[in-house]
Amino acid sequence: MAMAIDEIEAVGEHRATLFFFHGIGDTGAKWTTALGPEMRKINGLRVVCPTANERPVALNGGQLMRSWFDVTERGRLDDATVPSLDSAAQLVREWIDDELRRSTIASNRVFVGGFSQGSVLALYSALFMELKLAGVVALSTFFPIADRVDVLRRSKNAMTPVLQTHGCCDRVIPLEWAEDSARAMAVIFPNHQLKTYATLAHATCEQELADMREFIELCLGDSQPEDVSHLFALLQEHGGFEGMPGGMPGGMGGMGGMGGMGGIPPELAGIFSDPELMALFQDQEVMQAYMEIMQNPGSIAKYMTNPKVMKLVQLIQAKASAAGMGGDDAEDFTQTPPSGAGSASADTKAPPTMAPEPDID
């Protein structure tokens, strides 16, 4: 039986596609309504929202429901579930192949995402797909295959950016499950981030959808790296960090050490005595990225989807603003890049725009 497919056509020339999968018992049509206002703000993004066929759901006593795969136990996949999930993932691959044939975009301009069970399908499909994707959006979900880390680390999409979002008041998939999943996903997806919403249940809200839009724009390069690189240009203007290669700011040891902050004014040197910044600098990847950006501020563009590096940028920007760098009209760079690894809470007051999914996930 052919599945119903609802779409949001691209505004302007088509340059990217998002496949978004609903949760159990829901429809793609409802999600085109919910996603439309934010996704239409992304120039050239086409959104495809299929509706799953009805199938017996074991967890619900065999009742026929629109579902991407069978569910036998809440919060996990078992051997009985995997075959139907594999079939659904194969269907996702066929849809993406069709999209690539009918358009001029490459696979790295294709996103997959979903809500609840649909997010499980999106994550699973991305991990076992041989095509490199642009990003994954996982709303109100869990990560049920963390025990296959060795296989997953070799995934073509291991470095693909992942946005995971969750409501703190979710009673269908508790926040603890999402946080456990986030820790597991961070091992496999270094470019993973979790955002939580203090008043949100098992539904979606305006702030979550806005965060989703910003994530997609960032992955597509629609954010303005010039704004962020300007911050590092300002740091250079105040004296730079001469003599830093191999060392840590503030004369800290552990990576070669260095002596002080050169010509930087005391109020700026204090930025780099912050414990949270020092902890980030213990990561060799972060330190190397920092050194590259200091040498060439424009190189920040290549790190815009790296949550660890962007977290460093956000912290430096916040502390530089507190130190008076950039003047009264300085840009707030912290609103553009991802928040980095870990959880960022948004206390949204907006009412859910989708009804909660049946309590069977």
Protein backbone atom coordinates (compact mmCIF):
# COMPACT_ATOMS: atom_id res chain seq x y z
CA MET A 1 0.00 0.00 0.00
CA ALA A 2 1.43 3.37 -1.03
CA MET A 3 2.10 5.83 1.76
CA ALA A 4 0.64 9.32 1.79
CA ILE A 5 3.33 11.99 1.50
CA ASP A 6 2.81 15.64 2.38
CA GLU A 7 5.32 18.30 1.39
CA ILE A 8 6.37 21.86 2.05
CA GLU A 9 7.76 23.15 -1.21
CA ALA A 10 10.99 25.12 -1.22
CA VAL A 11 10.83 28.90 -1.11
CA GLY A 12 13.09 29.98 -3.95
CA GLU A 13 15.47 27.62 -5.71
CA HIS A 14 15.55 24.14 -4.18
CA ARG A 15 18.89 23.52 -2.44
CA ALA A 16 18.18 21.13 0.45
CA THR A 17 15.57 18.62 1.64
CA LEU A 18 14.37 17.54 5.07
CA PHE A 19 12.62 14.18 5.48
CA PHE A 20 10.59 14.32 8.71
CA PHE A 21 8.89 11.27 10.26
CA HIS A 22 5.94 11.47 12.64
CA GLY A 23 5.38 9.48 15.83
CA ILE A 24 3.06 6.53 16.39
CA GLY A 25 -0.55 7.22 15.47
CA ASP A 26 0.20 10.58 13.89
CA THR A 27 0.33 11.81 10.28
CA GLY A 28 2.78 13.65 8.06
CA ALA A 29 0.10 16.21 7.22
CA LYS A 30 -0.03 17.44 10.81
CA TRP A 31 3.71 17.96 10.78
CA THR A 32 3.69 19.98 7.58
CA THR A 33 1.29 22.31 9.40
CA ALA A 34 3.50 22.48 12.51
CA LEU A 35 6.81 22.81 10.65
CA GLY A 36 5.65 25.16 7.92
CA PRO A 37 6.07 28.58 9.58
CA GLU A 38 9.71 27.99 10.60
CA MET A 39 10.86 25.79 7.73
CA ARG A 40 9.61 28.26 5.12
CA LYS A 41 12.05 30.78 6.57
CA ILE A 42 14.91 28.61 5.27
CA ASN A 43 15.54 29.62 1.69
CA GLY A 44 15.41 26.66 -0.69
CA LEU A 45 14.46 23.96 1.87
CA ARG A 46 11.95 21.35 0.76
CA VAL A 47 10.28 19.32 3.53
CA VAL A 48 8.88 15.83 2.95
CA CYS A 49 6.58 14.36 5.62
CA PRO A 50 5.41 10.81 4.82
CA THR A 51 2.62 9.09 6.74
CA ALA A 52 3.26 5.53 7.87
CA ASN A 53 0.83 2.78 6.95
CA GLU A 54 -1.18 1.11 9.68
CA ARG A 55 0.37 -1.98 11.24
CA PRO A 56 -0.24 -4.04 14.40
CA VAL A 57 1.68 -2.61 17.35
CA ALA A 58 2.52 -5.36 19.85
CA LEU A 59 2.93 -2.99 22.79
CA ASN A 60 -0.63 -1.81 22.25
CA GLY A 61 -2.14 -5.29 22.15
CA GLY A 62 -1.79 -5.66 18.41
CA GLN A 63 -3.98 -2.66 17.64
CA LEU A 64 -3.63 -1.27 14.12
CA MET A 65 -1.90 2.10 14.23
CA ARG A 66 0.15 4.26 11.92
CA SER A 67 3.64 3.17 12.89
CA TRP A 68 7.03 2.98 11.19
CA PHE A 69 7.95 -0.28 12.92
CA ASP A 70 6.62 -2.62 15.58
CA VAL A 71 7.13 -1.76 19.25
CA THR A 72 7.25 -4.56 21.80
CA GLU A 73 8.71 -2.77 24.82
CA ARG A 74 8.91 0.86 25.87
CA GLY A 75 12.30 2.50 25.43
CA ARG A 76 14.20 -0.28 23.71
CA LEU A 77 14.45 -2.37 20.57
CA ASP A 78 14.54 -6.14 20.69
CA ASP A 79 15.19 -8.82 18.10
CA ALA A 80 11.52 -8.85 17.12
CA THR A 81 11.55 -5.11 16.42
CA VAL A 82 14.72 -4.78 14.35
CA PRO A 83 13.44 -6.40 11.10
CA SER A 84 10.55 -3.93 10.78
CA LEU A 85 12.90 -1.04 11.63
CA ASP A 86 15.34 -2.25 8.98
CA SER A 87 12.51 -2.27 6.44
CA ALA A 88 11.52 1.27 7.38
CA ALA A 89 15.14 2.44 7.13
CA GLN A 90 15.38 0.89 3.67
CA LEU A 91 12.30 2.85 2.66
CA VAL A 92 13.97 6.05 3.91
CA ARG A 93 16.99 5.26 1.75
CA GLU A 94 14.74 4.76 -1.28
CA TRP A 95 13.03 8.10 -0.68
CA ILE A 96 16.40 9.83 -0.45
CA ASP A 97 17.63 8.11 -3.62
CA ASP A 98 14.50 9.29 -5.43
CA GLU A 99 15.06 12.81 -4.14
CA LEU A 100 18.63 12.84 -5.40
CA ARG A 101 17.51 11.59 -8.83
CA ARG A 102 14.75 14.18 -9.19
CA SER A 103 16.81 17.16 -8.06
CA THR A 104 20.28 18.66 -8.37
CA ILE A 105 21.20 18.42 -4.68
CA ALA A 106 23.76 16.01 -3.22
CA SER A 107 23.18 13.77 -0.21
CA ASN A 108 25.07 16.18 2.05
CA ARG A 109 22.17 18.60 1.53
CA VAL A 110 19.63 16.09 2.86
CA PHE A 111 18.43 16.08 6.48
CA VAL A 112 16.46 13.40 8.27
CA GLY A 113 14.43 14.07 11.38
CA GLY A 114 11.40 13.06 13.32
CA PHE A 115 9.33 13.12 16.46
CA SER A 116 9.39 10.29 19.02
CA GLN A 117 9.30 7.00 17.05
CA GLY A 118 10.01 8.99 13.90
CA SER A 119 13.25 10.24 15.48
CA VAL A 120 14.32 6.67 16.19
CA LEU A 121 13.81 5.94 12.50
CA ALA A 122 15.78 9.04 11.48
CA LEU A 123 18.74 8.23 13.76
CA TYR A 124 18.78 4.57 12.79
CA SER A 125 18.57 5.38 9.08
CA ALA A 126 21.41 7.90 9.29
CA LEU A 127 23.70 5.55 11.19
CA PHE A 128 23.34 2.65 8.79
CA MET A 129 23.17 4.65 5.57
CA GLU A 130 26.10 4.75 3.14
CA LEU A 131 25.27 8.31 2.09
CA LYS A 132 26.72 11.30 3.94
CA LEU A 133 23.84 13.44 5.19
CA ALA A 134 23.66 17.12 6.17
CA GLY A 135 22.23 16.62 9.64
CA VAL A 136 19.78 14.79 11.90
CA VAL A 137 16.98 16.31 14.00
CA ALA A 138 15.63 14.11 16.80
CA LEU A 139 12.64 15.50 18.75
CA SER A 140 11.35 13.81 21.94
CA THR A 141 13.10 10.50 21.48
CA PHE A 142 15.55 7.97 22.87
CA PHE A 143 18.54 6.16 21.39
CA PRO A 144 17.81 2.43 21.51
CA ILE A 145 20.94 1.01 19.86
CA ALA A 146 23.74 2.38 22.04
CA ASP A 147 25.05 -1.15 22.63
CA ARG A 148 26.29 -1.25 19.02
CA VAL A 149 28.83 1.55 19.53
CA ASP A 150 31.70 -0.24 17.76
CA VAL A 151 29.63 -0.60 14.60
CA LEU A 152 28.12 2.86 14.84
CA ARG A 153 31.45 4.63 15.20
CA ARG A 154 32.29 3.46 11.68
CA SER A 155 29.11 5.02 10.32
CA LYS A 156 29.35 7.28 7.30
CA ASN A 157 27.41 9.80 9.40
CA ALA A 158 29.37 9.56 12.63
CA MET A 159 30.49 13.19 12.18
CA THR A 160 27.11 14.41 10.94
CA PRO A 161 25.62 17.13 13.19
CA VAL A 162 22.73 15.93 15.38
CA LEU A 163 20.22 18.12 17.22
CA GLN A 164 18.33 16.28 19.96
CA THR A 165 15.50 18.13 21.73
CA HIS A 166 13.28 17.11 24.63
CA GLY A 167 10.60 18.42 26.96
CA CYS A 168 11.40 18.33 30.67
CA CYS A 169 7.76 17.42 31.42
CA ASP A 170 7.62 14.50 28.97
CA ARG A 171 5.86 11.53 30.60
CA VAL A 172 5.88 9.30 27.51
CA ILE A 173 9.66 9.35 27.07
CA PRO A 174 11.05 10.64 30.37
CA LEU A 175 13.79 13.26 30.31
CA GLU A 176 16.13 10.78 32.01
CA TRP A 177 15.90 8.52 28.96
CA ALA A 178 16.76 11.45 26.72
CA GLU A 179 19.74 12.41 28.88
CA ASP A 180 21.00 8.81 28.92
CA SER A 181 20.58 8.73 25.16
CA ALA A 182 22.44 12.03 24.81
CA ARG A 183 25.43 10.60 26.65
CA ALA A 184 25.43 7.54 24.40
CA MET A 185 25.02 9.61 21.24
CA ALA A 186 27.82 11.98 22.21
CA VAL A 187 30.23 9.03 22.00
CA ILE A 188 29.10 8.19 18.48
CA PHE A 189 28.19 11.68 17.24
CA PRO A 190 30.85 14.19 18.36
CA ASN A 191 28.72 16.90 16.74
CA HIS A 192 25.69 16.09 18.89
CA GLN A 193 23.80 18.53 21.09
CA LEU A 194 20.79 18.25 23.40
CA LYS A 195 18.36 21.10 24.05
CA THR A 196 15.64 20.80 26.70
CA TYR A 197 12.48 22.83 27.29
CA ALA A 198 11.35 23.33 30.87
CA THR A 199 7.56 23.42 30.40
CA LEU A 200 7.23 21.07 27.43
CA ALA A 201 5.59 17.63 27.60
CA HIS A 202 5.60 14.98 24.82
CA ALA A 203 4.86 17.55 22.13
CA THR A 204 6.57 20.38 20.31
CA CYS A 205 6.57 24.15 20.77
CA GLU A 206 7.50 27.33 18.94
CA GLN A 207 10.94 27.64 20.54
CA GLU A 208 11.86 24.05 19.70
CA LEU A 209 10.90 24.55 16.06
CA ALA A 210 12.85 27.81 15.95
CA ASP A 211 15.90 25.98 17.34
CA MET A 212 15.42 23.33 14.68
CA ARG A 213 15.37 25.99 11.97
CA GLU A 214 18.55 27.62 13.32
CA PHE A 215 20.28 24.22 13.40
CA ILE A 216 19.40 23.52 9.76
CA GLU A 217 20.50 27.00 8.71
CA LEU A 218 23.79 26.47 10.50
CA CYS A 219 24.39 23.13 8.78
CA LEU A 220 23.63 24.75 5.43
CA GLY A 221 26.03 27.60 6.13
CA ASP A 222 23.30 30.24 6.35
CA SER A 223 24.67 31.63 9.61
CA GLN A 224 27.23 34.39 9.32
CA PRO A 225 30.68 33.19 10.38
CA GLU A 226 31.97 36.71 9.75
CA ASP A 227 30.16 37.78 12.92
CA VAL A 228 31.99 35.19 15.00
CA SER A 229 35.35 35.70 13.32
CA HIS A 230 35.04 39.41 14.14
CA LEU A 231 35.31 38.45 17.81
CA PHE A 232 38.66 36.78 17.23
CA ALA A 233 39.79 39.69 15.11
CA LEU A 234 39.06 41.91 18.11
CA LEU A 235 41.15 39.66 20.33
CA GLN A 236 44.00 39.93 17.84
CA GLU A 237 43.56 43.70 17.83
CA HIS A 238 44.09 43.70 21.60
CA GLY A 239 47.45 42.00 21.39
CA GLY A 240 46.89 38.52 20.11
CA PHE A 241 48.34 35.46 21.80
CA GLU A 242 51.93 35.51 20.65
CA GLY A 243 53.96 32.53 21.72
CA MET A 244 50.94 30.34 22.37
CA PRO A 245 51.52 27.39 19.99
CA GLY A 246 51.66 24.24 22.06
CA GLY A 247 50.58 26.03 25.20
CA MET A 248 47.54 27.11 27.16
CA PRO A 249 46.22 30.62 27.81
CA GLY A 250 47.24 32.21 31.07
CA GLY A 251 50.50 30.30 31.36
CA MET A 252 48.82 27.02 32.28
CA GLY A 253 50.77 23.84 31.80
CA GLY A 254 49.64 20.50 30.52
CA MET A 255 49.99 21.24 26.81
CA GLY A 256 53.44 22.77 26.69
CA GLY A 257 52.85 25.80 28.90
CA MET A 258 53.49 29.41 28.12
CA GLY A 259 54.35 32.57 29.94
CA GLY A 260 51.47 34.95 30.41
CA MET A 261 49.31 36.79 27.92
CA GLY A 262 51.76 39.11 26.18
CA GLY A 263 50.29 42.51 25.38
CA ILE A 264 46.67 41.72 26.26
CA PRO A 265 45.12 44.14 28.77
CA PRO A 266 44.47 42.65 32.25
CA GLU A 267 40.68 42.66 31.81
CA LEU A 268 41.05 40.51 28.70
CA ALA A 269 43.65 38.22 30.20
CA GLY A 270 41.09 37.50 32.91
CA ILE A 271 38.84 35.96 30.28
CA PHE A 272 41.21 33.03 30.03
CA SER A 273 41.43 32.34 33.76
CA ASP A 274 37.84 31.14 33.70
CA PRO A 275 37.64 27.49 34.92
CA GLU A 276 35.10 26.48 32.28
CA LEU A 277 37.29 27.81 29.49
CA MET A 278 40.32 26.10 30.98
CA ALA A 279 38.44 22.80 31.02
CA LEU A 280 37.62 23.18 27.33
CA PHE A 281 41.25 23.96 26.51
CA GLN A 282 42.27 20.56 27.93
CA ASP A 283 40.73 19.03 24.81
CA GLN A 284 43.42 18.83 22.12
CA GLU A 285 40.86 19.22 19.33
CA VAL A 286 39.50 22.42 20.88
CA MET A 287 42.97 23.81 21.49
CA GLN A 288 44.09 23.17 17.91
CA ALA A 289 40.92 24.76 16.55
CA TYR A 290 41.47 27.77 18.80
CA MET A 291 45.02 28.20 17.57
CA GLU A 292 43.91 27.99 13.94
CA ILE A 293 41.16 30.55 14.47
CA MET A 294 43.57 32.91 16.20
CA GLN A 295 45.93 32.70 13.23
CA ASN A 296 43.06 33.13 10.75
CA PRO A 297 39.74 34.29 12.28
CA GLY A 298 37.92 33.48 9.04
CA SER A 299 38.65 29.78 9.57
CA ILE A 300 35.86 29.73 12.16
CA ALA A 301 33.54 28.81 9.27
CA LYS A 302 34.85 25.23 9.16
CA TYR A 303 34.00 24.74 12.84
CA MET A 304 30.45 26.06 12.79
CA THR A 305 28.96 22.57 13.26
CA ASN A 306 31.48 21.45 15.90
CA PRO A 307 29.68 21.86 19.24
CA LYS A 308 32.85 21.75 21.36
CA VAL A 309 34.54 24.53 19.41
CA MET A 310 31.37 26.60 19.19
CA LYS A 311 30.87 26.28 22.95
CA LEU A 312 34.35 27.78 23.35
CA VAL A 313 33.42 30.60 20.98
CA GLN A 314 30.24 31.30 22.94
CA LEU A 315 32.07 31.45 26.26
CA ILE A 316 34.79 33.74 24.90
CA GLN A 317 32.16 35.99 23.35
CA ALA A 318 30.17 36.25 26.57
CA LYS A 319 33.24 37.05 28.65
CA ALA A 320 34.62 39.43 26.05
CA SER A 321 31.32 41.31 26.11
CA ALA A 322 31.50 41.51 29.90
CA ALA A 323 35.02 42.93 29.55
CA GLY A 324 33.70 45.66 27.26
CA MET A 325 35.15 44.39 23.98
CA GLY A 326 33.35 45.42 20.80
CA GLY A 327 31.48 48.44 22.19
CA ASP A 328 27.84 48.87 23.10
CA ASP A 329 26.61 47.64 19.73
CA ALA A 330 28.56 44.37 19.79
CA GLU A 331 26.84 41.41 18.14
CA ASP A 332 25.49 38.63 20.35
CA PHE A 333 27.21 35.67 18.72
CA THR A 334 25.83 33.22 21.26
CA GLN A 335 22.45 33.20 19.51
CA THR A 336 23.80 31.78 16.25
CA PRO A 337 25.91 28.62 16.82
CA PRO A 338 24.82 25.40 18.53
CA SER A 339 25.08 25.33 22.30
CA GLY A 340 27.58 22.48 22.23
CA ALA A 341 27.63 19.12 23.95
CA GLY A 342 25.35 18.70 26.91
CA SER A 343 21.96 20.19 27.69
CA ALA A 344 20.79 23.73 27.08
CA SER A 345 17.51 24.57 28.78
CA ALA A 346 14.96 26.88 27.20
CA ASP A 347 12.08 27.77 29.51
CA THR A 348 9.52 28.17 26.78
CA LYS A 349 6.04 29.35 27.67
CA ALA A 350 4.60 28.65 24.22
CA PRO A 351 1.83 26.02 24.15
CA PRO A 352 2.53 22.78 22.29
CA THR A 353 1.62 22.98 18.64
CA MET A 354 1.20 19.22 18.28
CA ALA A 355 -0.94 16.90 20.38
CA PRO A 356 1.00 14.43 22.53
CA GLU A 357 1.65 11.05 20.99
CA PRO A 358 -0.14 8.01 22.47
CA ASP A 359 1.72 6.59 25.46
CA ILE A 360 3.09 3.52 23.69
CA ASP A 361 6.60 4.55 22.57
